[in-house]
Amino acid sequence: MTDFVFRSDSYARSLSATVTAIGDNGAFELDRTNFYATSGGQPGDTGKAITTDGQIIALSGAIHPDGDKTRILHLPAEGQPPVSLGDVLTLDLDWDRRYALMRMHTALHLLSVVFPFPVTGGSIGEDKGRLDFDMTEVPPDLAALETALNAMVSADHPVTGEWITDAEMAAKPDLIKTMKVKPPMGQGRVRLIRIGDVDLQPCGGTHVARTGEIGPLRIGKIEKKGRENRRVSLHFA
């Protein structure tokens, strides 16, 4: 089983790892990784792997093969040199991209606080993100909600991870805000992300250490996506 280092240290920009499996088109698995795999609305990381003899392998992404959330497959860009079982690689993230995704992911958790409705979907981007909510009407004072959102950012709340067992997660369904994305279960335990005293929910993604790192935010367009579904866009201001 791959050690998902990003879950304990989202700031691990570089690390050394060993190739444990090789798939189609040169894609490979490692014994440990700092690359987040596409899941839950957050894109997979990009970057590069460097061999012990200095060859650079550009990585275009990372995925969970066949939906197996215990594994991560690293995807070389077209035309990259192959790796072999047992090779030791240095993994370097495209850090600016990852950090922007971390900031936006944490910001969307805060958005789910000021819009206290069930979440039906979401997407995380480098410049903007969005959440879909099961709400029949848009709240009337969006300016007040944006002010409240930025107040939580400015409060510089700590963002921390903690773990509960799968059984404990099953017994606490009220922690789950998302209606369609299931908590990252199946490994015996589930990680919760706590933001100060304002939010607690299961999440397997990457986050900043404090809300102050997010920076100012702007609530963007709100679109009707069904009888009771509203899509709320969020931007870095």
C-alpha atoms as a PDB file:
ATOM      1  CA  MET A   1       0.000   0.000   0.000  1.00  0.00           C
ATOM      2  CA  THR A   2       1.334   3.416  -0.967  1.00  0.00           C
ATOM      3  CA  ASP A   3       2.058   5.881   1.845  1.00  0.00           C
ATOM      4  CA  PHE A   4       0.089   9.034   1.004  1.00  0.00           C
ATOM      5  CA  VAL A   5       2.556  11.539   2.431  1.00  0.00           C
ATOM      6  CA  PHE A   6       0.391  14.493   1.323  1.00  0.00           C
ATOM      7  CA  ARG A   7      -2.197  13.544   3.938  1.00  0.00           C
ATOM      8  CA  SER A   8       0.212  14.146   6.789  1.00  0.00           C
ATOM      9  CA  ASP A   9       2.281  16.856   5.110  1.00  0.00           C
ATOM     10  CA  SER A  10       0.685  18.884   2.312  1.00  0.00           C
ATOM     11  CA  TYR A  11       3.848  20.991   2.147  1.00  0.00           C
ATOM     12  CA  ALA A  12       6.170  18.115   1.139  1.00  0.00           C
ATOM     13  CA  ARG A  13       7.320  19.552  -2.188  1.00  0.00           C
ATOM     14  CA  SER A  14       9.970  16.889  -2.805  1.00  0.00           C
ATOM     15  CA  LEU A  15      10.658  13.372  -1.557  1.00  0.00           C
ATOM     16  CA  SER A  16      12.413  10.146  -2.489  1.00  0.00           C
ATOM     17  CA  ALA A  17      10.383   7.029  -3.378  1.00  0.00           C
ATOM     18  CA  THR A  18      10.817   3.560  -4.874  1.00  0.00           C
ATOM     19  CA  VAL A  19       8.966   2.194  -7.921  1.00  0.00           C
ATOM     20  CA  THR A  20       6.781  -0.754  -6.843  1.00  0.00           C
ATOM     21  CA  ALA A  21       4.650  -1.375  -9.959  1.00  0.00           C
ATOM     22  CA  ILE A  22       4.543  -0.339 -13.617  1.00  0.00           C
ATOM     23  CA  GLY A  23       1.352  -0.082 -15.669  1.00  0.00           C
ATOM     24  CA  ASP A  24       0.366   0.852 -19.184  1.00  0.00           C
ATOM     25  CA  ASN A  25       2.225   3.564 -21.094  1.00  0.00           C
ATOM     26  CA  GLY A  26       4.967   3.717 -18.482  1.00  0.00           C
ATOM     27  CA  ALA A  27       2.705   4.830 -15.616  1.00  0.00           C
ATOM     28  CA  PHE A  28       4.039   3.694 -12.255  1.00  0.00           C
ATOM     29  CA  GLU A  29       3.257   3.257  -8.576  1.00  0.00           C
ATOM     30  CA  LEU A  30       5.562   4.053  -5.674  1.00  0.00           C
ATOM     31  CA  ASP A  31       5.979   3.014  -2.058  1.00  0.00           C
ATOM     32  CA  ARG A  32       5.261   6.627  -1.007  1.00  0.00           C
ATOM     33  CA  THR A  33       4.192   9.787  -2.752  1.00  0.00           C
ATOM     34  CA  ASN A  34       3.550  13.499  -2.304  1.00  0.00           C
ATOM     35  CA  PHE A  35       1.386  13.550  -5.473  1.00  0.00           C
ATOM     36  CA  TYR A  36      -2.344  13.887  -4.863  1.00  0.00           C
ATOM     37  CA  ALA A  37      -4.449  11.784  -7.260  1.00  0.00           C
ATOM     38  CA  THR A  38      -7.521  13.266  -8.939  1.00  0.00           C
ATOM     39  CA  SER A  39     -10.441  12.804  -6.546  1.00  0.00           C
ATOM     40  CA  GLY A  40     -13.330  14.661  -4.935  1.00  0.00           C
ATOM     41  CA  GLY A  41     -13.163  17.619  -7.314  1.00  0.00           C
ATOM     42  CA  GLN A  42      -9.444  18.252  -6.783  1.00  0.00           C
ATOM     43  CA  PRO A  43      -7.184  17.662  -9.822  1.00  0.00           C
ATOM     44  CA  GLY A  44      -4.201  15.354  -9.572  1.00  0.00           C
ATOM     45  CA  ASP A  45      -0.779  16.895  -9.085  1.00  0.00           C
ATOM     46  CA  THR A  46       1.724  17.548 -11.853  1.00  0.00           C
ATOM     47  CA  GLY A  47       5.500  17.827 -11.614  1.00  0.00           C
ATOM     48  CA  LYS A  48       8.499  15.646 -12.340  1.00  0.00           C
ATOM     49  CA  ALA A  49      10.409  12.576 -11.204  1.00  0.00           C
ATOM     50  CA  ILE A  50      14.204  12.547 -11.280  1.00  0.00           C
ATOM     51  CA  THR A  51      16.174   9.302 -11.512  1.00  0.00           C
ATOM     52  CA  THR A  52      19.395   8.657  -9.623  1.00  0.00           C
ATOM     53  CA  ASP A  53      21.366   9.265 -12.832  1.00  0.00           C
ATOM     54  CA  GLY A  54      19.684  12.635 -13.386  1.00  0.00           C
ATOM     55  CA  GLN A  55      17.061  11.807 -16.002  1.00  0.00           C
ATOM     56  CA  ILE A  56      13.934  13.957 -15.697  1.00  0.00           C
ATOM     57  CA  ILE A  57      10.496  12.406 -16.208  1.00  0.00           C
ATOM     58  CA  ALA A  58       7.724  14.978 -16.629  1.00  0.00           C
ATOM     59  CA  LEU A  59       4.533  13.869 -14.852  1.00  0.00           C
ATOM     60  CA  SER A  60       1.244  15.070 -16.288  1.00  0.00           C
ATOM     61  CA  GLY A  61      -0.956  13.861 -13.444  1.00  0.00           C
ATOM     62  CA  ALA A  62      -1.838  11.190 -10.902  1.00  0.00           C
ATOM     63  CA  ILE A  63      -4.933   8.980 -10.633  1.00  0.00           C
ATOM     64  CA  HIS A  64      -6.406   6.165  -8.559  1.00  0.00           C
ATOM     65  CA  PRO A  65      -6.226   3.145 -10.928  1.00  0.00           C
ATOM     66  CA  ASP A  66      -9.590   1.436 -11.399  1.00  0.00           C
ATOM     67  CA  GLY A  67     -11.022   3.618  -8.665  1.00  0.00           C
ATOM     68  CA  ASP A  68      -8.847   1.945  -6.009  1.00  0.00           C
ATOM     69  CA  LYS A  69      -8.346   4.731  -3.456  1.00  0.00           C
ATOM     70  CA  THR A  70      -5.489   2.835  -1.764  1.00  0.00           C
ATOM     71  CA  ARG A  71      -3.268   3.191  -4.867  1.00  0.00           C
ATOM     72  CA  ILE A  72      -1.878   6.091  -6.897  1.00  0.00           C
ATOM     73  CA  LEU A  73      -0.659   5.811 -10.471  1.00  0.00           C
ATOM     74  CA  HIS A  74       1.786   8.490 -11.630  1.00  0.00           C
ATOM     75  CA  LEU A  75       1.334   9.442 -15.288  1.00  0.00           C
ATOM     76  CA  PRO A  76       4.408  10.361 -17.363  1.00  0.00           C
ATOM     77  CA  ALA A  77       3.894  12.852 -20.164  1.00  0.00           C
ATOM     78  CA  GLU A  78       4.270  11.532 -23.713  1.00  0.00           C
ATOM     79  CA  GLY A  79       7.800  10.576 -24.751  1.00  0.00           C
ATOM     80  CA  GLN A  80       9.338  10.314 -21.277  1.00  0.00           C
ATOM     81  CA  PRO A  81      12.089   7.792 -20.414  1.00  0.00           C
ATOM     82  CA  PRO A  82      10.841   4.540 -18.822  1.00  0.00           C
ATOM     83  CA  VAL A  83      11.376   3.476 -15.214  1.00  0.00           C
ATOM     84  CA  SER A  84      12.084   0.006 -13.829  1.00  0.00           C
ATOM     85  CA  LEU A  85      10.891  -1.818 -10.725  1.00  0.00           C
ATOM     86  CA  GLY A  86      13.018  -0.853  -7.754  1.00  0.00           C
ATOM     87  CA  ASP A  87      14.172   2.461  -9.220  1.00  0.00           C
ATOM     88  CA  VAL A  88      14.566   5.229  -6.656  1.00  0.00           C
ATOM     89  CA  LEU A  89      13.077   8.518  -7.840  1.00  0.00           C
ATOM     90  CA  THR A  90      12.946  12.031  -6.463  1.00  0.00           C
ATOM     91  CA  LEU A  91       9.440  13.457  -6.837  1.00  0.00           C
ATOM     92  CA  ASP A  92       9.157  17.225  -7.277  1.00  0.00           C
ATOM     93  CA  LEU A  93       5.723  18.849  -7.300  1.00  0.00           C
ATOM     94  CA  ASP A  94       4.660  21.712  -9.504  1.00  0.00           C
ATOM     95  CA  TRP A  95       4.441  23.648  -6.274  1.00  0.00           C
ATOM     96  CA  ASP A  96       2.796  26.891  -7.402  1.00  0.00           C
ATOM     97  CA  ARG A  97      -0.060  24.901  -8.902  1.00  0.00           C
ATOM     98  CA  ARG A  98      -0.432  22.629  -5.857  1.00  0.00           C
ATOM     99  CA  TYR A  99      -0.363  25.543  -3.412  1.00  0.00           C
ATOM    100  CA  ALA A 100      -3.086  27.374  -5.350  1.00  0.00           C
ATOM    101  CA  LEU A 101      -5.227  24.217  -5.234  1.00  0.00           C
ATOM    102  CA  MET A 102      -4.598  23.898  -1.483  1.00  0.00           C
ATOM    103  CA  ARG A 103      -5.695  27.484  -0.890  1.00  0.00           C
ATOM    104  CA  MET A 104      -8.838  27.066  -2.986  1.00  0.00           C
ATOM    105  CA  HIS A 105      -9.740  23.710  -1.432  1.00  0.00           C
ATOM    106  CA  THR A 106      -9.624  25.189   2.065  1.00  0.00           C
ATOM    107  CA  ALA A 107     -11.576  28.220   0.836  1.00  0.00           C
ATOM    108  CA  LEU A 108     -14.350  25.953  -0.452  1.00  0.00           C
ATOM    109  CA  HIS A 109     -14.646  24.352   2.996  1.00  0.00           C
ATOM    110  CA  LEU A 110     -15.283  27.858   4.330  1.00  0.00           C
ATOM    111  CA  LEU A 111     -17.796  28.509   1.549  1.00  0.00           C
ATOM    112  CA  SER A 112     -19.747  25.495   2.805  1.00  0.00           C
ATOM    113  CA  VAL A 113     -19.948  27.241   6.186  1.00  0.00           C
ATOM    114  CA  VAL A 114     -21.452  30.507   4.939  1.00  0.00           C
ATOM    115  CA  PHE A 115     -23.783  28.548   2.631  1.00  0.00           C
ATOM    116  CA  PRO A 116     -25.122  25.981   5.159  1.00  0.00           C
ATOM    117  CA  PHE A 117     -26.769  23.677   2.626  1.00  0.00           C
ATOM    118  CA  PRO A 118     -26.033  20.112   1.476  1.00  0.00           C
ATOM    119  CA  VAL A 119     -23.271  20.034  -1.146  1.00  0.00           C
ATOM    120  CA  THR A 120     -24.163  18.227  -4.368  1.00  0.00           C
ATOM    121  CA  GLY A 121     -20.881  18.709  -6.232  1.00  0.00           C
ATOM    122  CA  GLY A 122     -17.774  20.798  -6.570  1.00  0.00           C
ATOM    123  CA  SER A 123     -14.634  21.586  -8.495  1.00  0.00           C
ATOM    124  CA  ILE A 124     -11.276  23.004  -7.399  1.00  0.00           C
ATOM    125  CA  GLY A 125      -9.144  25.119  -9.713  1.00  0.00           C
ATOM    126  CA  GLU A 126      -6.018  27.218  -9.481  1.00  0.00           C
ATOM    127  CA  ASP A 127      -7.846  30.549  -9.898  1.00  0.00           C
ATOM    128  CA  LYS A 128     -11.397  29.687  -8.949  1.00  0.00           C
ATOM    129  CA  GLY A 129     -13.554  26.904  -7.590  1.00  0.00           C
ATOM    130  CA  ARG A 130     -17.208  26.140  -7.148  1.00  0.00           C
ATOM    131  CA  LEU A 131     -19.654  24.235  -4.982  1.00  0.00           C
ATOM    132  CA  ASP A 132     -23.120  23.091  -5.968  1.00  0.00           C
ATOM    133  CA  PHE A 133     -25.697  23.340  -3.201  1.00  0.00           C
ATOM    134  CA  ASP A 134     -29.110  21.810  -2.671  1.00  0.00           C
ATOM    135  CA  MET A 135     -30.868  25.137  -2.002  1.00  0.00           C
ATOM    136  CA  THR A 136     -34.107  26.359  -3.500  1.00  0.00           C
ATOM    137  CA  GLU A 137     -33.417  30.090  -3.130  1.00  0.00           C
ATOM    138  CA  VAL A 138     -30.235  32.157  -3.161  1.00  0.00           C
ATOM    139  CA  PRO A 139     -29.656  33.936   0.189  1.00  0.00           C
ATOM    140  CA  PRO A 140     -30.620  37.618  -0.195  1.00  0.00           C
ATOM    141  CA  ASP A 141     -27.507  39.324   1.228  1.00  0.00           C
ATOM    142  CA  LEU A 142     -24.537  37.916  -0.679  1.00  0.00           C
ATOM    143  CA  ALA A 143     -22.339  40.837   0.353  1.00  0.00           C
ATOM    144  CA  ALA A 144     -22.791  39.868   3.997  1.00  0.00           C
ATOM    145  CA  LEU A 145     -21.880  36.268   3.198  1.00  0.00           C
ATOM    146  CA  GLU A 146     -18.736  37.390   1.369  1.00  0.00           C
ATOM    147  CA  THR A 147     -17.806  39.551   4.369  1.00  0.00           C
ATOM    148  CA  ALA A 148     -18.300  36.592   6.712  1.00  0.00           C
ATOM    149  CA  LEU A 149     -16.215  34.388   4.412  1.00  0.00           C
ATOM    150  CA  ASN A 150     -13.304  36.822   4.359  1.00  0.00           C
ATOM    151  CA  ALA A 151     -13.568  37.317   8.118  1.00  0.00           C
ATOM    152  CA  MET A 152     -12.888  33.588   8.581  1.00  0.00           C
ATOM    153  CA  VAL A 153      -9.904  33.897   6.262  1.00  0.00           C
ATOM    154  CA  SER A 154      -8.538  36.914   8.134  1.00  0.00           C
ATOM    155  CA  ALA A 155      -9.042  35.196  11.488  1.00  0.00           C
ATOM    156  CA  ASP A 156      -6.158  32.896  10.470  1.00  0.00           C
ATOM    157  CA  HIS A 157      -7.793  29.780  11.893  1.00  0.00           C
ATOM    158  CA  PRO A 158      -5.536  26.704  12.130  1.00  0.00           C
ATOM    159  CA  VAL A 159      -6.358  23.943   9.645  1.00  0.00           C
ATOM    160  CA  THR A 160      -5.595  20.521  11.086  1.00  0.00           C
ATOM    161  CA  GLY A 161      -6.186  16.871  10.299  1.00  0.00           C
ATOM    162  CA  GLU A 162      -7.416  14.177  12.648  1.00  0.00           C
ATOM    163  CA  TRP A 163      -8.438  10.575  12.168  1.00  0.00           C
ATOM    164  CA  ILE A 164     -11.423   8.437  13.079  1.00  0.00           C
ATOM    165  CA  THR A 165     -12.155   4.824  12.201  1.00  0.00           C
ATOM    166  CA  ASP A 166     -14.452   3.834   9.340  1.00  0.00           C
ATOM    167  CA  ALA A 167     -16.937   2.600  11.940  1.00  0.00           C
ATOM    168  CA  GLU A 168     -16.868   5.942  13.761  1.00  0.00           C
ATOM    169  CA  MET A 169     -17.399   7.745  10.461  1.00  0.00           C
ATOM    170  CA  ALA A 170     -20.397   5.537   9.655  1.00  0.00           C
ATOM    171  CA  ALA A 171     -21.861   6.420  13.055  1.00  0.00           C
ATOM    172  CA  LYS A 172     -21.503  10.181  12.435  1.00  0.00           C
ATOM    173  CA  PRO A 173     -23.262  10.867   9.114  1.00  0.00           C
ATOM    174  CA  ASP A 174     -23.931  14.468  10.227  1.00  0.00           C
ATOM    175  CA  LEU A 175     -20.249  15.249   9.542  1.00  0.00           C
ATOM    176  CA  ILE A 176     -20.736  14.593   5.829  1.00  0.00           C
ATOM    177  CA  LYS A 177     -21.692  17.695   3.837  1.00  0.00           C
ATOM    178  CA  THR A 178     -21.372  16.197   0.375  1.00  0.00           C
ATOM    179  CA  MET A 179     -24.331  14.278  -1.021  1.00  0.00           C
ATOM    180  CA  LYS A 180     -22.533  12.599  -3.941  1.00  0.00           C
ATOM    181  CA  VAL A 181     -18.856  12.382  -2.936  1.00  0.00           C
ATOM    182  CA  LYS A 182     -18.307   9.712  -0.319  1.00  0.00           C
ATOM    183  CA  PRO A 183     -15.752  10.206   2.489  1.00  0.00           C
ATOM    184  CA  PRO A 184     -12.332   8.627   1.763  1.00  0.00           C
ATOM    185  CA  MET A 185     -13.089   5.313   3.491  1.00  0.00           C
ATOM    186  CA  GLY A 186     -11.771   1.815   2.913  1.00  0.00           C
ATOM    187  CA  GLN A 187      -8.375   1.998   4.607  1.00  0.00           C
ATOM    188  CA  GLY A 188      -9.725   1.461   8.102  1.00  0.00           C
ATOM    189  CA  ARG A 189      -9.728   5.125   9.037  1.00  0.00           C
ATOM    190  CA  VAL A 190     -10.960   8.459   7.699  1.00  0.00           C
ATOM    191  CA  ARG A 191      -9.252  11.826   7.892  1.00  0.00           C
ATOM    192  CA  LEU A 192     -11.249  14.807   9.124  1.00  0.00           C
ATOM    193  CA  ILE A 193     -10.223  18.383   8.360  1.00  0.00           C
ATOM    194  CA  ARG A 194     -10.864  20.823  11.210  1.00  0.00           C
ATOM    195  CA  ILE A 195     -10.776  24.573  10.594  1.00  0.00           C
ATOM    196  CA  GLY A 196     -10.515  26.268  13.971  1.00  0.00           C
ATOM    197  CA  ASP A 197     -13.906  26.170  15.632  1.00  0.00           C
ATOM    198  CA  VAL A 198     -15.835  26.855  12.422  1.00  0.00           C
ATOM    199  CA  ASP A 199     -15.802  23.619  10.412  1.00  0.00           C
ATOM    200  CA  LEU A 200     -15.150  19.891  10.658  1.00  0.00           C
ATOM    201  CA  GLN A 201     -15.724  17.437   7.800  1.00  0.00           C
ATOM    202  CA  PRO A 202     -14.157  14.333   6.224  1.00  0.00           C
ATOM    203  CA  CYS A 203     -11.721  15.103   3.415  1.00  0.00           C
ATOM    204  CA  GLY A 204      -8.795  13.347   1.749  1.00  0.00           C
ATOM    205  CA  GLY A 205      -7.509  16.420  -0.116  1.00  0.00           C
ATOM    206  CA  THR A 206      -4.686  18.863   0.491  1.00  0.00           C
ATOM    207  CA  HIS A 207      -5.081  22.045   2.539  1.00  0.00           C
ATOM    208  CA  VAL A 208      -3.137  25.021   3.808  1.00  0.00           C
ATOM    209  CA  ALA A 209      -2.076  25.133   7.459  1.00  0.00           C
ATOM    210  CA  ARG A 210      -3.944  28.339   8.310  1.00  0.00           C
ATOM    211  CA  THR A 211      -6.847  30.179   6.699  1.00  0.00           C
ATOM    212  CA  GLY A 212      -4.766  33.367   6.462  1.00  0.00           C
ATOM    213  CA  GLU A 213      -2.808  31.738   3.644  1.00  0.00           C
ATOM    214  CA  ILE A 214      -5.912  31.714   1.417  1.00  0.00           C
ATOM    215  CA  GLY A 215      -6.011  35.460   0.830  1.00  0.00           C
ATOM    216  CA  PRO A 216      -9.058  37.603  -0.014  1.00  0.00           C
ATOM    217  CA  LEU A 217     -11.984  35.874  -1.714  1.00  0.00           C
ATOM    218  CA  ARG A 218     -14.842  36.953  -3.934  1.00  0.00           C
ATOM    219  CA  ILE A 219     -18.153  35.146  -4.394  1.00  0.00           C
ATOM    220  CA  GLY A 220     -18.842  34.995  -8.114  1.00  0.00           C
ATOM    221  CA  LYS A 221     -21.733  33.944 -10.287  1.00  0.00           C
ATOM    222  CA  ILE A 222     -24.557  31.853  -8.856  1.00  0.00           C
ATOM    223  CA  GLU A 223     -26.197  29.638 -11.460  1.00  0.00           C
ATOM    224  CA  LYS A 224     -29.383  27.587 -11.359  1.00  0.00           C
ATOM    225  CA  LYS A 225     -28.540  23.976 -12.192  1.00  0.00           C
ATOM    226  CA  GLY A 226     -31.874  22.309 -11.484  1.00  0.00           C
ATOM    227  CA  ARG A 227     -35.046  22.852  -9.511  1.00  0.00           C
ATOM    228  CA  GLU A 228     -33.201  22.948  -6.188  1.00  0.00           C
ATOM    229  CA  ASN A 229     -29.561  23.033  -7.266  1.00  0.00           C
ATOM    230  CA  ARG A 230     -27.481  26.220  -7.269  1.00  0.00           C
ATOM    231  CA  ARG A 231     -23.833  26.506  -8.392  1.00  0.00           C
ATOM    232  CA  VAL A 232     -21.773  29.054  -6.447  1.00  0.00           C
ATOM    233  CA  SER A 233     -18.453  30.172  -7.930  1.00  0.00           C
ATOM    234  CA  LEU A 234     -15.593  31.363  -5.741  1.00  0.00           C
ATOM    235  CA  HIS A 235     -12.591  33.402  -6.882  1.00  0.00           C
ATOM    236  CA  PHE A 236      -9.351  34.662  -5.408  1.00  0.00           C
ATOM    237  CA  ALA A 237      -9.924  38.418  -5.165  1.00  0.00           C
END
